Amino acid sequence: MATIKKKDLVDRIVASRKLKRTQVRDVVQDFLDEMVKELVSGNRIEFRGFGVFEVRSRAPRTAQNPRTGQRVPVPARNGVRFKAGRELRERIESGAQAAVTIPEIKVKVRAKRPGAVVA
């Protein structure tokens, strides 16, 4: 199992979309910055088919040092939890390598007046 870094993702997007590296890098960084901002604000981030990121509070607890056996208090803290969406879980379980694609939204355009041509 390999570790994929932000630079690797940027390189893949540049290769598949024929965009400038600086543009892709900036968009990826802006995306991550927005995610951090929303999580810090306590908001939940949901990507249908991919998963949900949310901040969860962890209660204070008492841990034990495995070497000394000494009990150590661990304070309450917040952490980010990710729960994989159904489509992602199914793809992981089946070992599918295909990219997860978001279905296109089909929009119906109605003419404002009878007989008008819709492009």
Protein backbone atom coordinates (compact mmCIF):
# COMPACT_ATOMS: atom_id res chain seq x y z
CA MET A 1 0.00 0.00 0.00
CA ALA A 2 1.50 3.32 -1.09
CA THR A 3 1.20 6.75 0.48
CA ILE A 4 -0.20 9.34 -1.92
CA LYS A 5 0.85 12.91 -1.22
CA LYS A 6 -0.78 16.16 -2.28
CA LYS A 7 1.89 16.61 -4.97
CA ASP A 8 1.02 13.19 -6.42
CA LEU A 9 -2.65 14.13 -6.66
CA VAL A 10 -1.77 17.44 -8.31
CA ASP A 11 0.44 15.62 -10.83
CA ARG A 12 -2.35 13.16 -11.70
CA ILE A 13 -4.90 15.93 -12.19
CA VAL A 14 -2.47 17.93 -14.33
CA ALA A 15 -1.89 14.89 -16.54
CA SER A 16 -5.57 14.02 -16.92
CA ARG A 17 -6.98 17.54 -17.36
CA LYS A 18 -4.19 19.29 -19.28
CA LEU A 19 -4.19 22.21 -16.84
CA LYS A 20 -1.27 24.22 -15.51
CA ARG A 21 0.37 22.78 -12.42
CA THR A 22 0.11 26.08 -10.52
CA GLN A 23 -3.63 26.30 -11.20
CA VAL A 24 -4.27 22.75 -10.01
CA ARG A 25 -2.01 23.16 -6.97
CA ASP A 26 -3.82 26.38 -5.99
CA VAL A 27 -7.27 24.80 -6.39
CA VAL A 28 -6.29 21.72 -4.37
CA GLN A 29 -4.82 23.93 -1.63
CA ASP A 30 -7.90 26.19 -1.60
CA PHE A 31 -10.11 23.10 -1.35
CA LEU A 32 -8.15 21.79 1.63
CA ASP A 33 -8.12 25.23 3.28
CA GLU A 34 -11.91 25.46 2.96
CA MET A 35 -12.32 21.99 4.45
CA VAL A 36 -10.15 22.94 7.43
CA LYS A 37 -12.06 26.21 7.89
CA GLU A 38 -15.41 24.40 7.93
CA LEU A 39 -14.22 21.68 10.31
CA VAL A 40 -12.73 24.26 12.69
CA SER A 41 -16.12 26.01 12.63
CA GLY A 42 -17.72 22.74 13.71
CA ASN A 43 -19.44 22.07 10.40
CA ARG A 44 -19.91 18.65 8.84
CA ILE A 45 -18.59 18.10 5.29
CA GLU A 46 -20.46 15.59 3.15
CA PHE A 47 -19.49 14.30 -0.28
CA ARG A 48 -22.25 12.01 -1.57
CA GLY A 49 -20.87 8.63 -2.53
CA PHE A 50 -17.48 9.42 -0.99
CA GLY A 51 -18.04 10.08 2.70
CA VAL A 52 -18.49 12.48 5.59
CA PHE A 53 -15.93 14.42 7.62
CA GLU A 54 -17.00 15.69 11.02
CA VAL A 55 -15.50 16.87 14.29
CA ARG A 56 -16.14 14.54 17.21
CA SER A 57 -15.48 15.21 20.89
CA ARG A 58 -13.56 12.59 22.79
CA ALA A 59 -14.30 12.30 26.49
CA PRO A 60 -11.51 12.50 29.06
CA ARG A 61 -10.18 9.09 30.07
CA THR A 62 -7.49 7.37 32.03
CA ALA A 63 -4.82 5.57 30.01
CA GLN A 64 -2.06 3.28 31.18
CA ASN A 65 1.62 3.55 30.29
CA PRO A 66 2.47 0.07 28.93
CA ARG A 67 6.09 0.19 30.19
CA THR A 68 5.53 1.43 33.73
CA GLY A 69 1.90 0.50 34.30
CA GLN A 70 1.32 4.01 35.63
CA ARG A 71 -2.16 5.47 35.10
CA VAL A 72 -2.14 8.71 33.10
CA PRO A 73 -5.09 11.10 32.72
CA VAL A 74 -5.89 11.97 29.09
CA PRO A 75 -7.86 15.22 28.72
CA ALA A 76 -10.94 15.64 26.53
CA ARG A 77 -10.19 16.67 22.97
CA ASN A 78 -11.69 17.04 19.54
CA GLY A 79 -10.76 14.94 16.54
CA VAL A 80 -11.84 14.59 12.93
CA ARG A 81 -13.79 11.49 12.00
CA PHE A 82 -14.24 10.24 8.44
CA LYS A 83 -17.02 7.83 7.58
CA ALA A 84 -16.81 6.32 4.10
CA GLY A 85 -19.92 6.56 1.94
CA ARG A 86 -21.68 3.50 0.53
CA GLU A 87 -20.23 3.80 -2.99
CA LEU A 88 -16.67 4.18 -1.66
CA ARG A 89 -17.10 1.23 0.72
CA GLU A 90 -18.46 -0.95 -2.08
CA ARG A 91 -15.58 -0.05 -4.40
CA ILE A 92 -13.01 -0.75 -1.69
CA GLU A 93 -14.61 -4.09 -0.85
CA SER A 94 -14.75 -5.14 -4.51
CA GLY A 95 -11.22 -3.89 -5.19
CA ALA A 96 -12.41 -1.77 -8.11
CA GLN A 97 -9.72 0.49 -9.57
CA ALA A 98 -12.08 2.66 -11.62
CA ALA A 99 -12.36 6.29 -10.65
CA VAL A 100 -15.39 7.39 -8.67
CA THR A 101 -17.37 9.68 -10.92
CA ILE A 102 -20.05 12.09 -9.93
CA PRO A 103 -23.09 11.72 -12.17
CA GLU A 104 -23.81 14.67 -14.43
CA ILE A 105 -26.81 16.78 -13.59
CA LYS A 106 -29.31 16.96 -16.41
CA VAL A 107 -31.08 20.28 -16.63
CA LYS A 108 -34.32 20.84 -18.47
CA VAL A 109 -34.72 24.32 -19.88
CA ARG A 110 -38.23 25.54 -20.51
CA ALA A 111 -39.12 28.23 -23.00
CA LYS A 112 -40.48 31.42 -21.45
CA ARG A 113 -43.13 31.86 -24.10
CA PRO A 114 -44.96 29.35 -26.27
CA GLY A 115 -43.19 28.68 -29.55
CA ALA A 116 -39.82 30.04 -28.39
CA VAL A 117 -36.76 28.06 -29.41
CA VAL A 118 -34.72 26.53 -26.60
CA ALA A 119 -30.99 26.14 -27.28
